[in-house]
Amino acid sequence: APDIAGKGISNPIATLRSVALMLDFLDQEEAA
């Protein structure tokens, strides 16, 4: 999403949920 970079309006939820997905694949279900 470079068109809104630096504006402070992007939604971080998808990124945070992607972190949780990575934890899932590391078998860290409790942390996810």
Full PDB file with SEQRES, HELIX, SHEET, SSBOND, CRYST1, ORIGX, SCALE, CONECT and MASTER records, all heavy atoms in Angstrom:
SEQRES   1 A   32  ALA PRO ASP ILE ALA GLY LYS GLY ILE SER ASN PRO ILE          
SEQRES   2 A   32  ALA THR LEU ARG SER VAL ALA LEU MET LEU ASP PHE LEU          
SEQRES   3 A   32  ASP GLN GLU GLU ALA ALA                                      
HELIX    1 AA1 PRO A    2  ILE A    4  5                                   3    
HELIX    2 AA2 ILE A   13  PHE A   25  1                                  13    
CRYST1    1.000    1.000    1.000  90.00  90.00  90.00 P 1           1          
ORIGX1      1.000000  0.000000  0.000000        0.00000                         
ORIGX2      0.000000  1.000000  0.000000        0.00000                         
ORIGX3      0.000000  0.000000  1.000000        0.00000                         
SCALE1      1.000000  0.000000  0.000000        0.00000                         
SCALE2      0.000000  1.000000  0.000000        0.00000                         
SCALE3      0.000000  0.000000  1.000000        0.00000                         
ATOM      1  N   ALA A   1       0.816  -1.227   0.000  1.00  0.00           N  
ATOM      2  CA  ALA A   1       0.000   0.000   0.000  1.00  0.00           C  
ATOM      3  C   ALA A   1       0.848   1.275   0.000  1.00  0.00           C  
ATOM      4  O   ALA A   1       0.718   2.121   0.889  1.00  0.00           O  
ATOM      5  CB  ALA A   1      -0.964  -0.003   1.181  1.00  0.00           C  
ATOM      6  N   PRO A   2       1.737   1.459  -0.984  1.00  0.00           N  
ATOM      7  CA  PRO A   2       2.627   2.637  -0.976  1.00  0.00           C  
ATOM      8  C   PRO A   2       1.888   3.967  -1.132  1.00  0.00           C  
ATOM      9  O   PRO A   2       2.422   5.008  -0.761  1.00  0.00           O  
ATOM     10  CB  PRO A   2       3.555   2.380  -2.171  1.00  0.00           C  
ATOM     11  CG  PRO A   2       2.766   1.485  -3.072  1.00  0.00           C  
ATOM     12  CD  PRO A   2       1.960   0.605  -2.162  1.00  0.00           C  
ATOM     13  N   ASP A   3       0.671   3.932  -1.643  1.00  0.00           N  
ATOM     14  CA  ASP A   3      -0.063   5.180  -1.862  1.00  0.00           C  
ATOM     15  C   ASP A   3      -0.455   5.869  -0.561  1.00  0.00           C  
ATOM     16  O   ASP A   3      -0.723   7.078  -0.549  1.00  0.00           O  
ATOM     17  CB  ASP A   3      -1.327   4.924  -2.702  1.00  0.00           C  
ATOM     18  CG  ASP A   3      -2.237   3.874  -2.100  1.00  0.00           C  
ATOM     19  OD1 ASP A   3      -1.706   2.845  -1.635  1.00  0.00           O  
ATOM     20  OD2 ASP A   3      -3.455   4.073  -2.096  1.00  0.00           O  
ATOM     21  N   ILE A   4      -0.472   5.125   0.562  1.00  0.00           N  
ATOM     22  CA  ILE A   4      -0.830   5.750   1.837  1.00  0.00           C  
ATOM     23  C   ILE A   4       0.319   5.671   2.839  1.00  0.00           C  
ATOM     24  O   ILE A   4       0.126   5.896   4.036  1.00  0.00           O  
ATOM     25  CB  ILE A   4      -2.109   5.136   2.447  1.00  0.00           C  
ATOM     26  CG1 ILE A   4      -1.949   3.618   2.647  1.00  0.00           C  
ATOM     27  CG2 ILE A   4      -3.314   5.434   1.582  1.00  0.00           C  
ATOM     28  CD1 ILE A   4      -3.123   2.989   3.410  1.00  0.00           C  
ATOM     29  N   ALA A   5       1.515   5.373   2.348  1.00  0.00           N  
ATOM     30  CA  ALA A   5       2.676   5.270   3.240  1.00  0.00           C  
ATOM     31  C   ALA A   5       2.940   6.597   3.940  1.00  0.00           C  
ATOM     32  O   ALA A   5       2.883   7.670   3.325  1.00  0.00           O  
ATOM     33  CB  ALA A   5       3.910   4.846   2.448  1.00  0.00           C  
ATOM     34  N   GLY A   6       3.210   6.534   5.239  1.00  0.00           N  
ATOM     35  CA  GLY A   6       3.573   7.714   6.002  1.00  0.00           C  
ATOM     36  C   GLY A   6       2.413   8.574   6.451  1.00  0.00           C  
ATOM     37  O   GLY A   6       2.616   9.582   7.143  1.00  0.00           O  
ATOM     38  N   LYS A   7       1.200   8.211   6.085  1.00  0.00           N  
ATOM     39  CA  LYS A   7       0.038   9.024   6.450  1.00  0.00           C  
ATOM     40  C   LYS A   7      -0.574   8.629   7.790  1.00  0.00           C  
ATOM     41  O   LYS A   7      -1.432   9.339   8.311  1.00  0.00           O  
ATOM     42  CB  LYS A   7      -1.032   8.935   5.351  1.00  0.00           C  
ATOM     43  CG  LYS A   7      -0.583   9.515   4.015  1.00  0.00           C  
ATOM     44  CD  LYS A   7      -1.695   9.435   2.969  1.00  0.00           C  
ATOM     45  CE  LYS A   7      -1.243  10.023   1.636  1.00  0.00           C  
ATOM     46  NZ  LYS A   7      -2.331   9.950   0.603  1.00  0.00           N  
ATOM     47  N   GLY A   8      -0.173   7.480   8.305  1.00  0.00           N  
ATOM     48  CA  GLY A   8      -0.679   7.044   9.590  1.00  0.00           C  
ATOM     49  C   GLY A   8      -2.124   6.591   9.570  1.00  0.00           C  
ATOM     50  O   GLY A   8      -2.784   6.563  10.607  1.00  0.00           O  
ATOM     51  N   ILE A   9      -2.624   6.211   8.395  1.00  0.00           N  
ATOM     52  CA  ILE A   9      -4.030   5.816   8.293  1.00  0.00           C  
ATOM     53  C   ILE A   9      -4.202   4.356   7.897  1.00  0.00           C  
ATOM     54  O   ILE A   9      -5.323   3.858   7.811  1.00  0.00           O  
ATOM     55  CB  ILE A   9      -4.794   6.694   7.279  1.00  0.00           C  
ATOM     56  CG1 ILE A   9      -4.181   6.568   5.880  1.00  0.00           C  
ATOM     57  CG2 ILE A   9      -4.817   8.145   7.739  1.00  0.00           C  
ATOM     58  CD1 ILE A   9      -5.000   7.254   4.792  1.00  0.00           C  
ATOM     59  N   SER A  10      -3.099   3.645   7.643  1.00  0.00           N  
ATOM     60  CA  SER A  10      -3.226   2.251   7.215  1.00  0.00           C  
ATOM     61  C   SER A  10      -3.695   1.386   8.380  1.00  0.00           C  
ATOM     62  O   SER A  10      -3.386   1.642   9.540  1.00  0.00           O  
ATOM     63  CB  SER A  10      -1.901   1.727   6.666  1.00  0.00           C  
ATOM     64  OG  SER A  10      -0.908   1.749   7.663  1.00  0.00           O  
ATOM     65  N   ASN A  11      -4.439   0.365   8.041  1.00  0.00           N  
ATOM     66  CA  ASN A  11      -4.975  -0.544   9.046  1.00  0.00           C  
ATOM     67  C   ASN A  11      -3.912  -1.595   9.383  1.00  0.00           C  
ATOM     68  O   ASN A  11      -3.512  -2.371   8.516  1.00  0.00           O  
ATOM     69  CB  ASN A  11      -6.233  -1.228   8.504  1.00  0.00           C  
ATOM     70  CG  ASN A  11      -7.008  -1.978   9.571  1.00  0.00           C  
ATOM     71  OD1 ASN A  11      -6.448  -2.381  10.578  1.00  0.00           O  
ATOM     72  ND2 ASN A  11      -8.294  -2.177   9.358  1.00  0.00           N  
ATOM     73  N   PRO A  12      -3.448  -1.662  10.641  1.00  0.00           N  
ATOM     74  CA  PRO A  12      -2.389  -2.618  10.990  1.00  0.00           C  
ATOM     75  C   PRO A  12      -2.903  -4.025  11.276  1.00  0.00           C  
ATOM     76  O   PRO A  12      -2.107  -4.940  11.503  1.00  0.00           O  
ATOM     77  CB  PRO A  12      -1.792  -2.007  12.259  1.00  0.00           C  
ATOM     78  CG  PRO A  12      -2.967  -1.357  12.918  1.00  0.00           C  
ATOM     79  CD  PRO A  12      -3.824  -0.813  11.792  1.00  0.00           C  
ATOM     80  N   ILE A  13      -4.230  -4.208  11.265  1.00  0.00           N  
ATOM     81  CA  ILE A  13      -4.798  -5.494  11.687  1.00  0.00           C  
ATOM     82  C   ILE A  13      -4.326  -6.649  10.806  1.00  0.00           C  
ATOM     83  O   ILE A  13      -3.977  -7.721  11.293  1.00  0.00           O  
ATOM     84  CB  ILE A  13      -6.335  -5.430  11.713  1.00  0.00           C  
ATOM     85  CG1 ILE A  13      -6.819  -4.385  12.737  1.00  0.00           C  
ATOM     86  CG2 ILE A  13      -6.929  -6.797  12.024  1.00  0.00           C  
ATOM     87  CD1 ILE A  13      -6.416  -4.662  14.157  1.00  0.00           C  
ATOM     88  N   ALA A  14      -4.302  -6.444   9.497  1.00  0.00           N  
ATOM     89  CA  ALA A  14      -3.873  -7.523   8.603  1.00  0.00           C  
ATOM     90  C   ALA A  14      -2.438  -7.937   8.876  1.00  0.00           C  
ATOM     91  O   ALA A  14      -2.098  -9.130   8.841  1.00  0.00           O  
ATOM     92  CB  ALA A  14      -4.029  -7.100   7.143  1.00  0.00           C  
ATOM     93  N   THR A  15      -1.570  -6.964   9.172  1.00  0.00           N  
ATOM     94  CA  THR A  15      -0.183  -7.274   9.489  1.00  0.00           C  
ATOM     95  C   THR A  15      -0.082  -8.031  10.810  1.00  0.00           C  
ATOM     96  O   THR A  15       0.649  -9.019  10.920  1.00  0.00           O  
ATOM     97  CB  THR A  15       0.654  -5.986   9.560  1.00  0.00           C  
ATOM     98  OG1 THR A  15       0.558  -5.303   8.306  1.00  0.00           O  
ATOM     99  CG2 THR A  15       2.116  -6.299   9.849  1.00  0.00           C  
ATOM    100  N   LEU A  16      -0.820  -7.574  11.810  1.00  0.00           N  
ATOM    101  CA  LEU A  16      -0.806  -8.245  13.111  1.00  0.00           C  
ATOM    102  C   LEU A  16      -1.339  -9.667  13.000  1.00  0.00           C  
ATOM    103  O   LEU A  16      -0.800 -10.599  13.617  1.00  0.00           O  
ATOM    104  CB  LEU A  16      -1.625  -7.444  14.124  1.00  0.00           C  
ATOM    105  CG  LEU A  16      -1.061  -6.065  14.489  1.00  0.00           C  
ATOM    106  CD1 LEU A  16      -2.073  -5.270  15.290  1.00  0.00           C  
ATOM    107  CD2 LEU A  16       0.245  -6.212  15.255  1.00  0.00           C  
ATOM    108  N   ARG A  17      -2.395  -9.840  12.228  1.00  0.00           N  
ATOM    109  CA  ARG A  17      -2.930 -11.189  12.036  1.00  0.00           C  
ATOM    110  C   ARG A  17      -1.956 -12.064  11.246  1.00  0.00           C  
ATOM    111  O   ARG A  17      -1.906 -13.291  11.445  1.00  0.00           O  
ATOM    112  CB  ARG A  17      -4.285 -11.122  11.333  1.00  0.00           C  
ATOM    113  CG  ARG A  17      -5.429 -10.741  12.270  1.00  0.00           C  
ATOM    114  CD  ARG A  17      -6.742 -10.665  11.555  1.00  0.00           C  
ATOM    115  NE  ARG A  17      -7.866 -10.677  12.497  1.00  0.00           N  
ATOM    116  CZ  ARG A  17      -9.106 -10.330  12.183  1.00  0.00           C  
ATOM    117  NH1 ARG A  17      -9.395  -9.945  10.950  1.00  0.00           N  
ATOM    118  NH2 ARG A  17     -10.059 -10.381  13.083  1.00  0.00           N  
ATOM    119  N   SER A  18      -1.177 -11.456  10.347  1.00  0.00           N  
ATOM    120  CA  SER A  18      -0.171 -12.226   9.616  1.00  0.00           C  
ATOM    121  C   SER A  18       0.922 -12.715  10.567  1.00  0.00           C  
ATOM    122  O   SER A  18       1.474 -13.809  10.390  1.00  0.00           O  
ATOM    123  CB  SER A  18       0.439 -11.380   8.492  1.00  0.00           C  
ATOM    124  OG  SER A  18      -0.525 -11.084   7.496  1.00  0.00           O  
ATOM    125  N   VAL A  19       1.247 -11.913  11.588  1.00  0.00           N  
ATOM    126  CA  VAL A  19       2.186 -12.355  12.616  1.00  0.00           C  
ATOM    127  C   VAL A  19       1.619 -13.585  13.332  1.00  0.00           C  
ATOM    128  O   VAL A  19       2.332 -14.562  13.588  1.00  0.00           O  
ATOM    129  CB  VAL A  19       2.462 -11.225  13.626  1.00  0.00           C  
ATOM    130  CG1 VAL A  19       3.291 -11.757  14.798  1.00  0.00           C  
ATOM    131  CG2 VAL A  19       3.181 -10.076  12.951  1.00  0.00           C  
ATOM    132  N   ALA A  20       0.332 -13.526  13.651  1.00  0.00           N  
ATOM    133  CA  ALA A  20      -0.309 -14.666  14.308  1.00  0.00           C  
ATOM    134  C   ALA A  20      -0.276 -15.905  13.406  1.00  0.00           C  
ATOM    135  O   ALA A  20      -0.062 -17.030  13.884  1.00  0.00           O  
ATOM    136  CB  ALA A  20      -1.744 -14.317  14.686  1.00  0.00           C  
ATOM    137  N   LEU A  21      -0.470 -15.708  12.110  1.00  0.00           N  
ATOM    138  CA  LEU A  21      -0.370 -16.839  11.178  1.00  0.00           C  
ATOM    139  C   LEU A  21       1.021 -17.455  11.221  1.00  0.00           C  
ATOM    140  O   LEU A  21       1.177 -18.680  11.192  1.00  0.00           O  
ATOM    141  CB  LEU A  21      -0.675 -16.366   9.746  1.00  0.00           C  
ATOM    142  CG  LEU A  21      -2.119 -16.356   9.278  1.00  0.00           C  
ATOM    143  CD1 LEU A  21      -2.187 -15.909   7.816  1.00  0.00           C  
ATOM    144  CD2 LEU A  21      -2.762 -17.734   9.422  1.00  0.00           C  
ATOM    145  N   MET A  22       2.051 -16.600  11.255  1.00  0.00           N  
ATOM    146  CA  MET A  22       3.410 -17.115  11.326  1.00  0.00           C  
ATOM    147  C   MET A  22       3.605 -17.941  12.599  1.00  0.00           C  
ATOM    148  O   MET A  22       4.243 -18.994  12.593  1.00  0.00           O  
ATOM    149  CB  MET A  22       4.419 -15.964  11.300  1.00  0.00           C  
ATOM    150  CG  MET A  22       4.486 -15.236   9.969  1.00  0.00           C  
ATOM    151  SD  MET A  22       4.898 -16.321   8.585  1.00  0.00           S  
ATOM    152  CE  MET A  22       6.494 -16.909   9.079  1.00  0.00           C  
ATOM    153  N   LEU A  23       3.036 -17.454  13.709  1.00  0.00           N  
ATOM    154  CA  LEU A  23       3.132 -18.210  14.958  1.00  0.00           C  
ATOM    155  C   LEU A  23       2.401 -19.551  14.843  1.00  0.00           C  
ATOM    156  O   LEU A  23       2.852 -20.566  15.385  1.00  0.00           O  
ATOM    157  CB  LEU A  23       2.571 -17.384  16.111  1.00  0.00           C  
ATOM    158  CG  LEU A  23       3.428 -16.184  16.522  1.00  0.00           C  
ATOM    159  CD1 LEU A  23       2.655 -15.280  17.475  1.00  0.00           C  
ATOM    160  CD2 LEU A  23       4.722 -16.637  17.157  1.00  0.00           C  
ATOM    161  N   ASP A  24       1.266 -19.554  14.135  1.00  0.00           N  
ATOM    162  CA  ASP A  24       0.561 -20.814  13.880  1.00  0.00           C  
ATOM    163  C   ASP A  24       1.482 -21.826  13.214  1.00  0.00           C  
ATOM    164  O   ASP A  24       1.553 -22.990  13.603  1.00  0.00           O  
ATOM    165  CB  ASP A  24      -0.655 -20.576  12.976  1.00  0.00           C  
ATOM    166  CG  ASP A  24      -1.842 -19.994  13.721  1.00  0.00           C  
ATOM    167  OD1 ASP A  24      -1.841 -20.055  14.960  1.00  0.00           O  
ATOM    168  OD2 ASP A  24      -2.761 -19.484  13.058  1.00  0.00           O  
ATOM    169  N   PHE A  25       2.185 -21.378  12.161  1.00  0.00           N  
ATOM    170  CA  PHE A  25       3.044 -22.290  11.407  1.00  0.00           C  
ATOM    171  C   PHE A  25       4.291 -22.685  12.192  1.00  0.00           C  
ATOM    172  O   PHE A  25       4.965 -23.655  11.842  1.00  0.00           O  
ATOM    173  CB  PHE A  25       3.421 -21.676  10.060  1.00  0.00           C  
ATOM    174  CG  PHE A  25       2.326 -21.791   9.037  1.00  0.00           C  
ATOM    175  CD1 PHE A  25       1.529 -20.702   8.737  1.00  0.00           C  
ATOM    176  CD2 PHE A  25       2.075 -22.985   8.397  1.00  0.00           C  
ATOM    177  CE1 PHE A  25       0.497 -20.811   7.822  1.00  0.00           C  
ATOM    178  CE2 PHE A  25       1.047 -23.108   7.479  1.00  0.00           C  
ATOM    179  CZ  PHE A  25       0.257 -22.015   7.185  1.00  0.00           C  
ATOM    180  N   LEU A  26       4.608 -21.932  13.249  1.00  0.00           N  
ATOM    181  CA  LEU A  26       5.707 -22.306  14.142  1.00  0.00           C  
ATOM    182  C   LEU A  26       5.219 -23.168  15.306  1.00  0.00           C  
ATOM    183  O   LEU A  26       5.951 -23.388  16.272  1.00  0.00           O  
ATOM    184  CB  LEU A  26       6.388 -21.040  14.682  1.00  0.00           C  
ATOM    185  CG  LEU A  26       7.191 -20.235  13.667  1.00  0.00           C  
ATOM    186  CD1 LEU A  26       7.578 -18.871  14.247  1.00  0.00           C  
ATOM    187  CD2 LEU A  26       8.445 -20.999  13.251  1.00  0.00           C  
ATOM    188  N   ASP A  27       3.940 -23.614  15.193  1.00  0.00           N  
ATOM    189  CA  ASP A  27       3.318 -24.437  16.240  1.00  0.00           C  
ATOM    190  C   ASP A  27       3.236 -23.709  17.578  1.00  0.00           C  
ATOM    191  O   ASP A  27       3.329 -24.318  18.642  1.00  0.00           O  
ATOM    192  CB  ASP A  27       4.070 -25.764  16.408  1.00  0.00           C  
ATOM    193  CG  ASP A  27       3.972 -26.640  15.161  1.00  0.00           C  
ATOM    194  OD1 ASP A  27       2.892 -26.647  14.540  1.00  0.00           O  
ATOM    195  OD2 ASP A  27       4.969 -27.298  14.808  1.00  0.00           O  
ATOM    196  N   GLN A  28       3.047 -22.398  17.497  1.00  0.00           N  
ATOM    197  CA  GLN A  28       2.871 -21.579  18.699  1.00  0.00           C  
ATOM    198  C   GLN A  28       1.417 -21.104  18.755  1.00  0.00           C  
ATOM    199  O   GLN A  28       1.119 -19.915  18.737  1.00  0.00           O  
ATOM    200  CB  GLN A  28       3.836 -20.384  18.674  1.00  0.00           C  
ATOM    201  CG  GLN A  28       5.297 -20.769  18.661  1.00  0.00           C  
ATOM    202  CD  GLN A  28       5.749 -21.386  19.968  1.00  0.00           C  
ATOM    203  OE1 GLN A  28       5.241 -21.049  21.033  1.00  0.00           O  
ATOM    204  NE2 GLN A  28       6.702 -22.295  19.899  1.00  0.00           N  
ATOM    205  N   GLU A  29       0.488 -22.084  18.816  1.00  0.00           N  
ATOM    206  CA  GLU A  29      -0.930 -21.743  18.740  1.00  0.00           C  
ATOM    207  C   GLU A  29      -1.393 -20.870  19.906  1.00  0.00           C  
ATOM    208  O   GLU A  29      -2.244 -20.002  19.739  1.00  0.00           O  
ATOM    209  CB  GLU A  29      -1.785 -23.019  18.679  1.00  0.00           C  
ATOM    210  CG  GLU A  29      -1.681 -23.787  17.379  1.00  0.00           C  
ATOM    211  CD  GLU A  29      -0.637 -24.876  17.441  1.00  0.00           C  
ATOM    212  OE1 GLU A  29       0.116 -24.927  18.441  1.00  0.00           O  
ATOM    213  OE2 GLU A  29      -0.541 -25.674  16.488  1.00  0.00           O  
ATOM    214  N   GLU A  30      -0.809 -21.092  21.091  1.00  0.00           N  
ATOM    215  CA  GLU A  30      -1.230 -20.315  22.255  1.00  0.00           C  
ATOM    216  C   GLU A  30      -0.881 -18.835  22.066  1.00  0.00           C  
ATOM    217  O   GLU A  30      -1.694 -17.950  22.354  1.00  0.00           O  
ATOM    218  CB  GLU A  30      -0.567 -20.854  23.522  1.00  0.00           C  
ATOM    219  CG  GLU A  30      -1.030 -20.146  24.792  1.00  0.00           C  
ATOM    220  CD  GLU A  30      -0.399 -20.732  26.040  1.00  0.00           C  
ATOM    221  OE1 GLU A  30       0.238 -21.807  25.955  1.00  0.00           O  
ATOM    222  OE2 GLU A  30      -0.539 -20.101  27.110  1.00  0.00           O  
ATOM    223  N   ALA A  31       0.318 -18.564  21.578  1.00  0.00           N  
ATOM    224  CA  ALA A  31       0.721 -17.183  21.328  1.00  0.00           C  
ATOM    225  C   ALA A  31      -0.138 -16.564  20.215  1.00  0.00           C  
ATOM    226  O   ALA A  31      -0.551 -15.404  20.309  1.00  0.00           O  
ATOM    227  CB  ALA A  31       2.196 -17.128  20.945  1.00  0.00           C  
ATOM    228  N   ALA A  32      -0.401 -17.346  19.171  1.00  0.00           N  
ATOM    229  CA  ALA A  32      -1.249 -16.852  18.081  1.00  0.00           C  
ATOM    230  C   ALA A  32      -2.638 -16.516  18.590  1.00  0.00           C  
ATOM    231  O   ALA A  32      -3.215 -15.477  18.232  1.00  0.00           O  
ATOM    232  CB  ALA A  32      -1.331 -17.901  16.973  1.00  0.00           C  
TER     233      ALA A  32                                                      
MASTER        0    0    0    2    0    0    0    6  232    1    0    3          
END                                                                             
